[in-house]
Amino acid sequence: MSVLYLSSTIHSAGDEIAVLIFTFLLRLAIMCVPLGVISVFLYERFRNVKSKQKTLVAALVTQLLELAHAKGGTLTIPEVSMNTDLSLEESEQVLDLLVKRNFVNLRVSKSGAVLYDFPKIA
């Protein structure tokens, strides 16, 4: 392990402490700079992912609204699944989320089918 000296000779204990403090701070800076760069990179990546996620959600909502309009304001889970890239489970989760947020009303038909009504479209 090498020690970095500011001068070729150390004149006093105070000089030795100063060199040790300088060496410690230099090593700390050398270790922290890469961590800072990695942190900035990860933050930017996270921000980009969140931005893409918002875009995908907006596109999905638009797709659901267009589908609801085409189907007279009422959708079923299989209809959503067949007309989007969502599985049956994902379709149910999305529609249930819209119910929880009061964008869509849930009802059961006389035949037992689960229907999701878009009140502003019907």
PDB file of N, CA and C in Angstrom:
ATOM      1  N   MET A   1       0.850  -1.172   0.000  1.00  0.00           N
ATOM      2  CA  MET A   1       0.000   0.000   0.000  1.00  0.00           C
ATOM      3  C   MET A   1       0.895   1.235   0.000  1.00  0.00           C
ATOM      4  N   SER A   2       0.644   2.105  -0.892  1.00  0.00           N
ATOM      5  CA  SER A   2       1.498   3.290  -0.998  1.00  0.00           C
ATOM      6  C   SER A   2       0.862   4.465  -0.280  1.00  0.00           C
ATOM      7  N   VAL A   3       1.695   5.341   0.186  1.00  0.00           N
ATOM      8  CA  VAL A   3       1.244   6.549   0.855  1.00  0.00           C
ATOM      9  C   VAL A   3       1.669   7.724   0.005  1.00  0.00           C
ATOM     10  N   LEU A   4       0.734   8.622  -0.234  1.00  0.00           N
ATOM     11  CA  LEU A   4       1.010   9.794  -1.042  1.00  0.00           C
ATOM     12  C   LEU A   4       1.510  10.903  -0.127  1.00  0.00           C
ATOM     13  N   TYR A   5       2.717  11.428  -0.425  1.00  0.00           N
ATOM     14  CA  TYR A   5       3.272  12.529   0.353  1.00  0.00           C
ATOM     15  C   TYR A   5       3.272  13.785  -0.483  1.00  0.00           C
ATOM     16  N   LEU A   6       2.921  14.879   0.165  1.00  0.00           N
ATOM     17  CA  LEU A   6       2.914  16.153  -0.535  1.00  0.00           C
ATOM     18  C   LEU A   6       4.324  16.696  -0.715  1.00  0.00           C
ATOM     19  N   SER A   7       5.190  16.370   0.178  1.00  0.00           N
ATOM     20  CA  SER A   7       6.575  16.797   0.043  1.00  0.00           C
ATOM     21  C   SER A   7       7.465  15.608   0.388  1.00  0.00           C
ATOM     22  N   SER A   8       8.722  15.727   0.070  1.00  0.00           N
ATOM     23  CA  SER A   8       9.625  14.600   0.283  1.00  0.00           C
ATOM     24  C   SER A   8       9.961  14.405   1.751  1.00  0.00           C
ATOM     25  N   THR A   9       9.781  15.406   2.556  1.00  0.00           N
ATOM     26  CA  THR A   9      10.083  15.251   3.979  1.00  0.00           C
ATOM     27  C   THR A   9       8.914  15.761   4.806  1.00  0.00           C
ATOM     28  N   ILE A  10       8.714  15.125   5.941  1.00  0.00           N
ATOM     29  CA  ILE A  10       7.672  15.564   6.860  1.00  0.00           C
ATOM     30  C   ILE A  10       8.382  16.259   8.009  1.00  0.00           C
ATOM     31  N   HIS A  11       7.990  17.503   8.258  1.00  0.00           N
ATOM     32  CA  HIS A  11       8.690  18.317   9.235  1.00  0.00           C
ATOM     33  C   HIS A  11       8.158  18.157  10.650  1.00  0.00           C
ATOM     34  N   SER A  12       6.865  17.809  10.783  1.00  0.00           N
ATOM     35  CA  SER A  12       6.323  17.712  12.138  1.00  0.00           C
ATOM     36  C   SER A  12       5.144  16.752  12.147  1.00  0.00           C
ATOM     37  N   ALA A  13       4.638  16.489  13.324  1.00  0.00           N
ATOM     38  CA  ALA A  13       3.470  15.621  13.463  1.00  0.00           C
ATOM     39  C   ALA A  13       2.264  16.257  12.790  1.00  0.00           C
ATOM     40  N   GLY A  14       2.182  17.577  12.812  1.00  0.00           N
ATOM     41  CA  GLY A  14       1.087  18.292  12.152  1.00  0.00           C
ATOM     42  C   GLY A  14       1.109  18.063  10.656  1.00  0.00           C
ATOM     43  N   ASP A  15       2.331  18.056  10.081  1.00  0.00           N
ATOM     44  CA  ASP A  15       2.453  17.786   8.646  1.00  0.00           C
ATOM     45  C   ASP A  15       2.007  16.356   8.333  1.00  0.00           C
ATOM     46  N   GLU A  16       2.367  15.424   9.210  1.00  0.00           N
ATOM     47  CA  GLU A  16       2.003  14.025   8.989  1.00  0.00           C
ATOM     48  C   GLU A  16       0.482  13.845   9.048  1.00  0.00           C
ATOM     49  N   ILE A  17      -0.161  14.516   9.982  1.00  0.00           N
ATOM     50  CA  ILE A  17      -1.623  14.444  10.096  1.00  0.00           C
ATOM     51  C   ILE A  17      -2.281  15.054   8.863  1.00  0.00           C
ATOM     52  N   ALA A  18      -1.732  16.169   8.393  1.00  0.00           N
ATOM     53  CA  ALA A  18      -2.277  16.821   7.205  1.00  0.00           C
ATOM     54  C   ALA A  18      -2.180  15.898   5.987  1.00  0.00           C
ATOM     55  N   VAL A  19      -1.045  15.212   5.848  1.00  0.00           N
ATOM     56  CA  VAL A  19      -0.860  14.286   4.724  1.00  0.00           C
ATOM     57  C   VAL A  19      -1.839  13.117   4.849  1.00  0.00           C
ATOM     58  N   LEU A  20      -2.020  12.595   6.058  1.00  0.00           N
ATOM     59  CA  LEU A  20      -2.958  11.492   6.257  1.00  0.00           C
ATOM     60  C   LEU A  20      -4.392  11.912   5.940  1.00  0.00           C
ATOM     61  N   ILE A  21      -4.755  13.107   6.358  1.00  0.00           N
ATOM     62  CA  ILE A  21      -6.106  13.622   6.062  1.00  0.00           C
ATOM     63  C   ILE A  21      -6.273  13.810   4.563  1.00  0.00           C
ATOM     64  N   PHE A  22      -5.263  14.387   3.919  1.00  0.00           N
ATOM     65  CA  PHE A  22      -5.321  14.585   2.468  1.00  0.00           C
ATOM     66  C   PHE A  22      -5.441  13.249   1.744  1.00  0.00           C
ATOM     67  N   THR A  23      -4.667  12.270   2.169  1.00  0.00           N
ATOM     68  CA  THR A  23      -4.700  10.941   1.555  1.00  0.00           C
ATOM     69  C   THR A  23      -6.070  10.301   1.738  1.00  0.00           C
ATOM     70  N   PHE A  24      -6.613  10.414   2.937  1.00  0.00           N
ATOM     71  CA  PHE A  24      -7.939   9.862   3.201  1.00  0.00           C
ATOM     72  C   PHE A  24      -8.992  10.516   2.315  1.00  0.00           C
ATOM     73  N   LEU A  25      -8.973  11.823   2.226  1.00  0.00           N
ATOM     74  CA  LEU A  25      -9.953  12.547   1.408  1.00  0.00           C
ATOM     75  C   LEU A  25      -9.799  12.219  -0.076  1.00  0.00           C
ATOM     76  N   LEU A  26      -8.550  12.069  -0.525  1.00  0.00           N
ATOM     77  CA  LEU A  26      -8.317  11.712  -1.924  1.00  0.00           C
ATOM     78  C   LEU A  26      -8.885  10.324  -2.222  1.00  0.00           C
ATOM     79  N   ARG A  27      -8.613   9.369  -1.348  1.00  0.00           N
ATOM     80  CA  ARG A  27      -9.146   8.013  -1.545  1.00  0.00           C
ATOM     81  C   ARG A  27     -10.666   8.011  -1.482  1.00  0.00           C
ATOM     82  N   LEU A  28     -11.220   8.778  -0.571  1.00  0.00           N
ATOM     83  CA  LEU A  28     -12.667   8.883  -0.461  1.00  0.00           C
ATOM     84  C   LEU A  28     -13.266   9.452  -1.747  1.00  0.00           C
ATOM     85  N   ALA A  29     -12.642  10.467  -2.293  1.00  0.00           N
ATOM     86  CA  ALA A  29     -13.117  11.062  -3.545  1.00  0.00           C
ATOM     87  C   ALA A  29     -13.019  10.065  -4.692  1.00  0.00           C
ATOM     88  N   ILE A  30     -11.937   9.313  -4.737  1.00  0.00           N
ATOM     89  CA  ILE A  30     -11.750   8.321  -5.800  1.00  0.00           C
ATOM     90  C   ILE A  30     -12.831   7.244  -5.716  1.00  0.00           C
ATOM     91  N   MET A  31     -13.239   6.883  -4.515  1.00  0.00           N
ATOM     92  CA  MET A  31     -14.285   5.873  -4.349  1.00  0.00           C
ATOM     93  C   MET A  31     -15.674   6.450  -4.609  1.00  0.00           C
ATOM     94  N   CYS A  32     -15.900   7.704  -4.255  1.00  0.00           N
ATOM     95  CA  CYS A  32     -17.235   8.297  -4.363  1.00  0.00           C
ATOM     96  C   CYS A  32     -17.595   8.725  -5.776  1.00  0.00           C
ATOM     97  N   VAL A  33     -16.646   9.127  -6.556  1.00  0.00           N
ATOM     98  CA  VAL A  33     -16.943   9.590  -7.918  1.00  0.00           C
ATOM     99  C   VAL A  33     -17.612   8.491  -8.740  1.00  0.00           C
ATOM    100  N   PRO A  34     -17.072   7.262  -8.765  1.00  0.00           N
ATOM    101  CA  PRO A  34     -17.776   6.219  -9.522  1.00  0.00           C
ATOM    102  C   PRO A  34     -19.184   5.941  -8.988  1.00  0.00           C
ATOM    103  N   LEU A  35     -19.350   5.992  -7.666  1.00  0.00           N
ATOM    104  CA  LEU A  35     -20.675   5.790  -7.102  1.00  0.00           C
ATOM    105  C   LEU A  35     -21.634   6.886  -7.541  1.00  0.00           C
ATOM    106  N   GLY A  36     -21.147   8.100  -7.603  1.00  0.00           N
ATOM    107  CA  GLY A  36     -21.972   9.213  -8.076  1.00  0.00           C
ATOM    108  C   GLY A  36     -22.375   9.038  -9.523  1.00  0.00           C
ATOM    109  N   VAL A  37     -21.422   8.613 -10.350  1.00  0.00           N
ATOM    110  CA  VAL A  37     -21.713   8.386 -11.771  1.00  0.00           C
ATOM    111  C   VAL A  37     -22.739   7.273 -11.916  1.00  0.00           C
ATOM    112  N   ILE A  38     -22.568   6.194 -11.185  1.00  0.00           N
ATOM    113  CA  ILE A  38     -23.519   5.080 -11.240  1.00  0.00           C
ATOM    114  C   ILE A  38     -24.898   5.538 -10.763  1.00  0.00           C
ATOM    115  N   SER A  39     -24.941   6.325  -9.709  1.00  0.00           N
ATOM    116  CA  SER A  39     -26.220   6.824  -9.190  1.00  0.00           C
ATOM    117  C   SER A  39     -26.941   7.676 -10.220  1.00  0.00           C
ATOM    118  N   VAL A  40     -26.226   8.561 -10.882  1.00  0.00           N
ATOM    119  CA  VAL A  40     -26.842   9.406 -11.919  1.00  0.00           C
ATOM    120  C   VAL A  40     -27.346   8.545 -13.066  1.00  0.00           C
ATOM    121  N   PHE A  41     -26.556   7.561 -13.483  1.00  0.00           N
ATOM    122  CA  PHE A  41     -26.963   6.667 -14.571  1.00  0.00           C
ATOM    123  C   PHE A  41     -28.243   5.918 -14.201  1.00  0.00           C
ATOM    124  N   LEU A  42     -28.295   5.347 -12.988  1.00  0.00           N
ATOM    125  CA  LEU A  42     -29.478   4.599 -12.563  1.00  0.00           C
ATOM    126  C   LEU A  42     -30.706   5.498 -12.429  1.00  0.00           C
ATOM    127  N   TYR A  43     -30.512   6.720 -11.931  1.00  0.00           N
ATOM    128  CA  TYR A  43     -31.623   7.660 -11.810  1.00  0.00           C
ATOM    129  C   TYR A  43     -32.190   7.996 -13.183  1.00  0.00           C
ATOM    130  N   GLU A  44     -31.323   8.280 -14.142  1.00  0.00           N
ATOM    131  CA  GLU A  44     -31.783   8.603 -15.498  1.00  0.00           C
ATOM    132  C   GLU A  44     -32.507   7.411 -16.118  1.00  0.00           C
ATOM    133  N   ARG A  45     -31.992   6.240 -15.896  1.00  0.00           N
ATOM    134  CA  ARG A  45     -32.623   5.027 -16.442  1.00  0.00           C
ATOM    135  C   ARG A  45     -34.004   4.836 -15.818  1.00  0.00           C
ATOM    136  N   PHE A  46     -34.101   5.016 -14.507  1.00  0.00           N
ATOM    137  CA  PHE A  46     -35.386   4.895 -13.812  1.00  0.00           C
ATOM    138  C   PHE A  46     -36.374   5.926 -14.342  1.00  0.00           C
ATOM    139  N   ARG A  47     -35.896   7.145 -14.544  1.00  0.00           N
ATOM    140  CA  ARG A  47     -36.760   8.205 -15.060  1.00  0.00           C
ATOM    141  C   ARG A  47     -37.265   7.880 -16.458  1.00  0.00           C
ATOM    142  N   ASN A  48     -36.401   7.320 -17.298  1.00  0.00           N
ATOM    143  CA  ASN A  48     -36.808   6.927 -18.645  1.00  0.00           C
ATOM    144  C   ASN A  48     -37.833   5.803 -18.606  1.00  0.00           C
ATOM    145  N   VAL A  49     -37.633   4.849 -17.707  1.00  0.00           N
ATOM    146  CA  VAL A  49     -38.586   3.741 -17.579  1.00  0.00           C
ATOM    147  C   VAL A  49     -39.939   4.273 -17.131  1.00  0.00           C
ATOM    148  N   LYS A  50     -39.956   5.167 -16.155  1.00  0.00           N
ATOM    149  CA  LYS A  50     -41.214   5.743 -15.674  1.00  0.00           C
ATOM    150  C   LYS A  50     -41.911   6.516 -16.788  1.00  0.00           C
ATOM    151  N   SER A  51     -41.151   7.237 -17.594  1.00  0.00           N
ATOM    152  CA  SER A  51     -41.720   7.991 -18.701  1.00  0.00           C
ATOM    153  C   SER A  51     -42.345   7.045 -19.730  1.00  0.00           C
ATOM    154  N   LYS A  52     -41.641   5.973 -20.057  1.00  0.00           N
ATOM    155  CA  LYS A  52     -42.177   4.992 -21.007  1.00  0.00           C
ATOM    156  C   LYS A  52     -43.416   4.319 -20.434  1.00  0.00           C
ATOM    157  N   GLN A  53     -43.396   4.055 -19.135  1.00  0.00           N
ATOM    158  CA  GLN A  53     -44.536   3.418 -18.480  1.00  0.00           C
ATOM    159  C   GLN A  53     -45.770   4.316 -18.570  1.00  0.00           C
ATOM    160  N   LYS A  54     -45.602   5.604 -18.340  1.00  0.00           N
ATOM    161  CA  LYS A  54     -46.722   6.540 -18.440  1.00  0.00           C
ATOM    162  C   LYS A  54     -47.263   6.573 -19.858  1.00  0.00           C
ATOM    163  N   THR A  55     -46.379   6.529 -20.839  1.00  0.00           N
ATOM    164  CA  THR A  55     -46.801   6.532 -22.237  1.00  0.00           C
ATOM    165  C   THR A  55     -47.598   5.271 -22.557  1.00  0.00           C
ATOM    166  N   LEU A  56     -47.131   4.120 -22.071  1.00  0.00           N
ATOM    167  CA  LEU A  56     -47.839   2.862 -22.316  1.00  0.00           C
ATOM    168  C   LEU A  56     -49.208   2.850 -21.644  1.00  0.00           C
ATOM    169  N   VAL A  57     -49.296   3.369 -20.429  1.00  0.00           N
ATOM    170  CA  VAL A  57     -50.572   3.422 -19.722  1.00  0.00           C
ATOM    171  C   VAL A  57     -51.540   4.335 -20.467  1.00  0.00           C
ATOM    172  N   ALA A  58     -51.062   5.475 -20.926  1.00  0.00           N
ATOM    173  CA  ALA A  58     -51.919   6.393 -21.680  1.00  0.00           C
ATOM    174  C   ALA A  58     -52.411   5.738 -22.966  1.00  0.00           C
ATOM    175  N   ALA A  59     -51.544   5.008 -23.648  1.00  0.00           N
ATOM    176  CA  ALA A  59     -51.939   4.316 -24.876  1.00  0.00           C
ATOM    177  C   ALA A  59     -52.965   3.230 -24.568  1.00  0.00           C
ATOM    178  N   LEU A  60     -52.798   2.512 -23.471  1.00  0.00           N
ATOM    179  CA  LEU A  60     -53.739   1.461 -23.092  1.00  0.00           C
ATOM    180  C   LEU A  60     -55.104   2.056 -22.752  1.00  0.00           C
ATOM    181  N   VAL A  61     -55.109   3.138 -22.008  1.00  0.00           N
ATOM    182  CA  VAL A  61     -56.379   3.789 -21.658  1.00  0.00           C
ATOM    183  C   VAL A  61     -57.082   4.269 -22.924  1.00  0.00           C
ATOM    184  N   THR A  62     -56.346   4.850 -23.833  1.00  0.00           N
ATOM    185  CA  THR A  62     -56.924   5.289 -25.105  1.00  0.00           C
ATOM    186  C   THR A  62     -57.513   4.111 -25.861  1.00  0.00           C
ATOM    187  N   GLN A  63     -56.775   3.012 -25.895  1.00  0.00           N
ATOM    188  CA  GLN A  63     -57.243   1.804 -26.574  1.00  0.00           C
ATOM    189  C   GLN A  63     -58.524   1.272 -25.918  1.00  0.00           C
ATOM    190  N   LEU A  64     -58.573   1.275 -24.593  1.00  0.00           N
ATOM    191  CA  LEU A  64     -59.771   0.810 -23.889  1.00  0.00           C
ATOM    192  C   LEU A  64     -60.966   1.726 -24.144  1.00  0.00           C
ATOM    193  N   LEU A  65     -60.732   3.029 -24.159  1.00  0.00           N
ATOM    194  CA  LEU A  65     -61.827   3.965 -24.427  1.00  0.00           C
ATOM    195  C   LEU A  65     -62.367   3.801 -25.843  1.00  0.00           C
ATOM    196  N   GLU A  66     -61.476   3.609 -26.808  1.00  0.00           N
ATOM    197  CA  GLU A  66     -61.917   3.389 -28.183  1.00  0.00           C
ATOM    198  C   GLU A  66     -62.700   2.086 -28.302  1.00  0.00           C
ATOM    199  N   LEU A  67     -62.232   1.046 -27.617  1.00  0.00           N
ATOM    200  CA  LEU A  67     -62.924  -0.240 -27.635  1.00  0.00           C
ATOM    201  C   LEU A  67     -64.287  -0.121 -26.965  1.00  0.00           C
ATOM    202  N   ALA A  68     -64.343   0.556 -25.835  1.00  0.00           N
ATOM    203  CA  ALA A  68     -65.618   0.750 -25.138  1.00  0.00           C
ATOM    204  C   ALA A  68     -66.591   1.523 -26.018  1.00  0.00           C
ATOM    205  N   HIS A  69     -66.097   2.523 -26.715  1.00  0.00           N
ATOM    206  CA  HIS A  69     -66.953   3.297 -27.625  1.00  0.00           C
ATOM    207  C   HIS A  69     -67.491   2.400 -28.739  1.00  0.00           C
ATOM    208  N   ALA A  70     -66.638   1.561 -29.289  1.00  0.00           N
ATOM    209  CA  ALA A  70     -67.048   0.658 -30.371  1.00  0.00           C
ATOM    210  C   ALA A  70     -68.046  -0.399 -29.878  1.00  0.00           C
ATOM    211  N   LYS A  71     -67.982  -0.759 -28.602  1.00  0.00           N
ATOM    212  CA  LYS A  71     -68.846  -1.796 -28.042  1.00  0.00           C
ATOM    213  C   LYS A  71     -70.035  -1.212 -27.283  1.00  0.00           C
ATOM    214  N   GLY A  72     -70.324   0.050 -27.481  1.00  0.00           N
ATOM    215  CA  GLY A  72     -71.499   0.657 -26.853  1.00  0.00           C
ATOM    216  C   GLY A  72     -71.316   1.030 -25.390  1.00  0.00           C
ATOM    217  N   GLY A  73     -70.110   1.165 -24.935  1.00  0.00           N
ATOM    218  CA  GLY A  73     -69.849   1.619 -23.575  1.00  0.00           C
ATOM    219  C   GLY A  73     -69.719   0.512 -22.545  1.00  0.00           C
ATOM    220  N   THR A  74     -69.787  -0.748 -22.961  1.00  0.00           N
ATOM    221  CA  THR A  74     -69.677  -1.869 -22.039  1.00  0.00           C
ATOM    222  C   THR A  74     -68.652  -2.869 -22.565  1.00  0.00           C
ATOM    223  N   LEU A  75     -67.770  -3.299 -21.667  1.00  0.00           N
ATOM    224  CA  LEU A  75     -66.740  -4.269 -22.038  1.00  0.00           C
ATOM    225  C   LEU A  75     -66.756  -5.453 -21.086  1.00  0.00           C
ATOM    226  N   THR A  76     -66.232  -6.568 -21.573  1.00  0.00           N
ATOM    227  CA  THR A  76     -66.001  -7.740 -20.732  1.00  0.00           C
ATOM    228  C   THR A  76     -64.496  -8.015 -20.719  1.00  0.00           C
ATOM    229  N   ILE A  77     -64.091  -8.833 -19.780  1.00  0.00           N
ATOM    230  CA  ILE A  77     -62.667  -9.167 -19.678  1.00  0.00           C
ATOM    231  C   ILE A  77     -62.166  -9.850 -20.954  1.00  0.00           C
ATOM    232  N   PRO A  78     -62.886 -10.850 -21.489  1.00  0.00           N
ATOM    233  CA  PRO A  78     -62.406 -11.474 -22.722  1.00  0.00           C
ATOM    234  C   PRO A  78     -62.313 -10.499 -23.903  1.00  0.00           C
ATOM    235  N   GLU A  79     -63.237  -9.540 -23.995  1.00  0.00           N
ATOM    236  CA  GLU A  79     -63.172  -8.548 -25.076  1.00  0.00           C
ATOM    237  C   GLU A  79     -61.898  -7.720 -24.984  1.00  0.00           C
ATOM    238  N   VAL A  80     -61.582  -7.303 -23.773  1.00  0.00           N
ATOM    239  CA  VAL A  80     -60.366  -6.509 -23.578  1.00  0.00           C
ATOM    240  C   VAL A  80     -59.144  -7.339 -23.937  1.00  0.00           C
ATOM    241  N   SER A  81     -59.122  -8.572 -23.482  1.00  0.00           N
ATOM    242  CA  SER A  81     -57.980  -9.441 -23.753  1.00  0.00           C
ATOM    243  C   SER A  81     -57.812  -9.706 -25.249  1.00  0.00           C
ATOM    244  N   MET A  82     -58.919  -9.931 -25.952  1.00  0.00           N
ATOM    245  CA  MET A  82     -58.843 -10.220 -27.387  1.00  0.00           C
ATOM    246  C   MET A  82     -58.435  -9.017 -28.220  1.00  0.00           C
ATOM    247  N   ASN A  83     -58.732  -7.813 -27.727  1.00  0.00           N
ATOM    248  CA  ASN A  83     -58.485  -6.605 -28.511  1.00  0.00           C
ATOM    249  C   ASN A  83     -57.260  -5.809 -28.061  1.00  0.00           C
ATOM    250  N   THR A  84     -56.544  -6.344 -27.097  1.00  0.00           N
ATOM    251  CA  THR A  84     -55.305  -5.696 -26.636  1.00  0.00           C
ATOM    252  C   THR A  84     -54.227  -6.770 -26.512  1.00  0.00           C
ATOM    253  N   ASP A  85     -53.065  -6.364 -26.080  1.00  0.00           N
ATOM    254  CA  ASP A  85     -51.974  -7.317 -25.842  1.00  0.00           C
ATOM    255  C   ASP A  85     -51.999  -7.878 -24.424  1.00  0.00           C
ATOM    256  N   LEU A  86     -53.090  -7.667 -23.708  1.00  0.00           N
ATOM    257  CA  LEU A  86     -53.186  -8.102 -22.318  1.00  0.00           C
ATOM    258  C   LEU A  86     -53.730  -9.521 -22.222  1.00  0.00           C
ATOM    259  N   SER A  87     -53.271 -10.243 -21.208  1.00  0.00           N
ATOM    260  CA  SER A  87     -53.831 -11.557 -20.916  1.00  0.00           C
ATOM    261  C   SER A  87     -55.181 -11.356 -20.228  1.00  0.00           C
ATOM    262  N   LEU A  88     -55.893 -12.461 -19.989  1.00  0.00           N
ATOM    263  CA  LEU A  88     -57.167 -12.360 -19.270  1.00  0.00           C
ATOM    264  C   LEU A  88     -56.961 -11.791 -17.868  1.00  0.00           C
ATOM    265  N   GLU A  89     -55.922 -12.256 -17.177  1.00  0.00           N
ATOM    266  CA  GLU A  89     -55.638 -11.760 -15.825  1.00  0.00           C
ATOM    267  C   GLU A  89     -55.299 -10.275 -15.838  1.00  0.00           C
ATOM    268  N   GLU A  90     -54.459  -9.870 -16.778  1.00  0.00           N
ATOM    269  CA  GLU A  90     -54.074  -8.455 -16.864  1.00  0.00           C
ATOM    270  C   GLU A  90     -55.278  -7.592 -17.221  1.00  0.00           C
ATOM    271  N   SER A  91     -56.138  -8.095 -18.106  1.00  0.00           N
ATOM    272  CA  SER A  91     -57.343  -7.346 -18.478  1.00  0.00           C
ATOM    273  C   SER A  91     -58.229  -7.136 -17.261  1.00  0.00           C
ATOM    274  N   GLU A  92     -58.397  -8.189 -16.471  1.00  0.00           N
ATOM    275  CA  GLU A  92     -59.209  -8.077 -15.263  1.00  0.00           C
ATOM    276  C   GLU A  92     -58.596  -7.081 -14.279  1.00  0.00           C
ATOM    277  N   GLN A  93     -57.285  -7.140 -14.114  1.00  0.00           N
ATOM    278  CA  GLN A  93     -56.606  -6.214 -13.190  1.00  0.00           C
ATOM    279  C   GLN A  93     -56.790  -4.763 -13.631  1.00  0.00           C
ATOM    280  N   VAL A  94     -56.645  -4.511 -14.926  1.00  0.00           N
ATOM    281  CA  VAL A  94     -56.787  -3.137 -15.436  1.00  0.00           C
ATOM    282  C   VAL A  94     -58.216  -2.647 -15.254  1.00  0.00           C
ATOM    283  N   LEU A  95     -59.187  -3.482 -15.609  1.00  0.00           N
ATOM    284  CA  LEU A  95     -60.584  -3.076 -15.469  1.00  0.00           C
ATOM    285  C   LEU A  95     -60.956  -2.887 -13.997  1.00  0.00           C
ATOM    286  N   ASP A  96     -60.471  -3.759 -13.126  1.00  0.00           N
ATOM    287  CA  ASP A  96     -60.742  -3.606 -11.687  1.00  0.00           C
ATOM    288  C   ASP A  96     -60.110  -2.334 -11.128  1.00  0.00           C
ATOM    289  N   LEU A  97     -58.942  -1.984 -11.632  1.00  0.00           N
ATOM    290  CA  LEU A  97     -58.304  -0.733 -11.214  1.00  0.00           C
ATOM    291  C   LEU A  97     -59.147   0.467 -11.638  1.00  0.00           C
ATOM    292  N   LEU A  98     -59.695   0.402 -12.844  1.00  0.00           N
ATOM    293  CA  LEU A  98     -60.562   1.490 -13.313  1.00  0.00           C
ATOM    294  C   LEU A  98     -61.840   1.570 -12.471  1.00  0.00           C
ATOM    295  N   VAL A  99     -62.337   0.425 -12.009  1.00  0.00           N
ATOM    296  CA  VAL A  99     -63.503   0.415 -11.112  1.00  0.00           C
ATOM    297  C   VAL A  99     -63.139   1.068  -9.787  1.00  0.00           C
ATOM    298  N   LYS A 100     -61.984   0.699  -9.225  1.00  0.00           N
ATOM    299  CA  LYS A 100     -61.553   1.268  -7.942  1.00  0.00           C
ATOM    300  C   LYS A 100     -61.373   2.769  -8.019  1.00  0.00           C
ATOM    301  N   ARG A 101     -60.977   3.248  -9.179  1.00  0.00           N
ATOM    302  CA  ARG A 101     -60.767   4.700  -9.350  1.00  0.00           C
ATOM    303  C   ARG A 101     -62.025   5.411  -9.839  1.00  0.00           C
ATOM    304  N   ASN A 102     -63.137   4.683  -9.873  1.00  0.00           N
ATOM    305  CA  ASN A 102     -64.448   5.229 -10.245  1.00  0.00           C
ATOM    306  C   ASN A 102     -64.527   5.747 -11.674  1.00  0.00           C
ATOM    307  N   PHE A 103     -63.743   5.173 -12.566  1.00  0.00           N
ATOM    308  CA  PHE A 103     -63.849   5.517 -13.982  1.00  0.00           C
ATOM    309  C   PHE A 103     -64.839   4.602 -14.687  1.00  0.00           C
ATOM    310  N   VAL A 104     -65.037   3.417 -14.115  1.00  0.00           N
ATOM    311  CA  VAL A 104     -65.850   2.379 -14.732  1.00  0.00           C
ATOM    312  C   VAL A 104     -66.748   1.777 -13.658  1.00  0.00           C
ATOM    313  N   ASN A 105     -67.947   1.367 -14.064  1.00  0.00           N
ATOM    314  CA  ASN A 105     -68.871   0.703 -13.141  1.00  0.00           C
ATOM    315  C   ASN A 105     -68.902  -0.787 -13.441  1.00  0.00           C
ATOM    316  N   LEU A 106     -68.938  -1.573 -12.394  1.00  0.00           N
ATOM    317  CA  LEU A 106     -68.974  -3.031 -12.515  1.00  0.00           C
ATOM    318  C   LEU A 106     -70.404  -3.503 -12.275  1.00  0.00           C
ATOM    319  N   ARG A 107     -70.863  -4.427 -13.119  1.00  0.00           N
ATOM    320  CA  ARG A 107     -72.167  -5.038 -12.899  1.00  0.00           C
ATOM    321  C   ARG A 107     -72.133  -6.462 -13.439  1.00  0.00           C
ATOM    322  N   VAL A 108     -73.081  -7.247 -12.990  1.00  0.00           N
ATOM    323  CA  VAL A 108     -73.196  -8.634 -13.435  1.00  0.00           C
ATOM    324  C   VAL A 108     -74.506  -8.762 -14.203  1.00  0.00           C
ATOM    325  N   SER A 109     -74.425  -9.328 -15.403  1.00  0.00           N
ATOM    326  CA  SER A 109     -75.629  -9.487 -16.229  1.00  0.00           C
ATOM    327  C   SER A 109     -76.499 -10.611 -15.673  1.00  0.00           C
ATOM    328  N   LYS A 110     -77.715 -10.744 -16.208  1.00  0.00           N
ATOM    329  CA  LYS A 110     -78.630 -11.805 -15.774  1.00  0.00           C
ATOM    330  C   LYS A 110     -78.041 -13.188 -16.037  1.00  0.00           C
ATOM    331  N   SER A 111     -77.214 -13.285 -17.066  1.00  0.00           N
ATOM    332  CA  SER A 111     -76.597 -14.580 -17.386  1.00  0.00           C
ATOM    333  C   SER A 111     -75.348 -14.851 -16.550  1.00  0.00           C
ATOM    334  N   GLY A 112     -74.936 -13.875 -15.738  1.00  0.00           N
ATOM    335  CA  GLY A 112     -73.780 -14.055 -14.864  1.00  0.00           C
ATOM    336  C   GLY A 112     -72.473 -13.499 -15.411  1.00  0.00           C
ATOM    337  N   ALA A 113     -72.520 -12.845 -16.558  1.00  0.00           N
ATOM    338  CA  ALA A 113     -71.310 -12.259 -17.144  1.00  0.00           C
ATOM    339  C   ALA A 113     -70.933 -10.978 -16.386  1.00  0.00           C
ATOM    340  N   VAL A 114     -69.647 -10.802 -16.161  1.00  0.00           N
ATOM    341  CA  VAL A 114     -69.153  -9.591 -15.507  1.00  0.00           C
ATOM    342  C   VAL A 114     -68.971  -8.526 -16.576  1.00  0.00           C
ATOM    343  N   LEU A 115     -69.657  -7.394 -16.385  1.00  0.00           N
ATOM    344  CA  LEU A 115     -69.633  -6.304 -17.366  1.00  0.00           C
ATOM    345  C   LEU A 115     -69.029  -5.059 -16.737  1.00  0.00           C
ATOM    346  N   TYR A 116     -68.283  -4.357 -17.526  1.00  0.00           N
ATOM    347  CA  TYR A 116     -67.663  -3.100 -17.095  1.00  0.00           C
ATOM    348  C   TYR A 116     -68.246  -1.986 -17.947  1.00  0.00           C
ATOM    349  N   ASP A 117     -69.008  -1.098 -17.317  1.00  0.00           N
ATOM    350  CA  ASP A 117     -69.681  -0.006 -18.011  1.00  0.00           C
ATOM    351  C   ASP A 117     -68.854   1.264 -17.917  1.00  0.00           C
ATOM    352  N   PHE A 118     -68.659   1.888 -19.046  1.00  0.00           N
ATOM    353  CA  PHE A 118     -67.989   3.187 -19.130  1.00  0.00           C
ATOM    354  C   PHE A 118     -69.099   4.230 -19.207  1.00  0.00           C
ATOM    355  N   PRO A 119     -69.462   4.849 -18.084  1.00  0.00           N
ATOM    356  CA  PRO A 119     -70.660   5.699 -18.056  1.00  0.00           C
ATOM    357  C   PRO A 119     -70.614   6.919 -18.977  1.00  0.00           C
ATOM    358  N   LYS A 120     -69.471   7.456 -19.227  1.00  0.00           N
ATOM    359  CA  LYS A 120     -69.414   8.658 -20.063  1.00  0.00           C
ATOM    360  C   LYS A 120     -69.474   8.313 -21.552  1.00  0.00           C
ATOM    361  N   ILE A 121     -69.385   7.028 -21.859  1.00  0.00           N
ATOM    362  CA  ILE A 121     -69.439   6.599 -23.252  1.00  0.00           C
ATOM    363  C   ILE A 121     -70.830   6.094 -23.592  1.00  0.00           C
ATOM    364  N   ALA A 122     -71.479   5.447 -22.648  1.00  0.00           N
ATOM    365  CA  ALA A 122     -72.782   4.820 -22.918  1.00  0.00           C
ATOM    366  C   ALA A 122     -73.848   5.830 -23.254  1.00  0.00           C
TER     367      ALA A 122
END
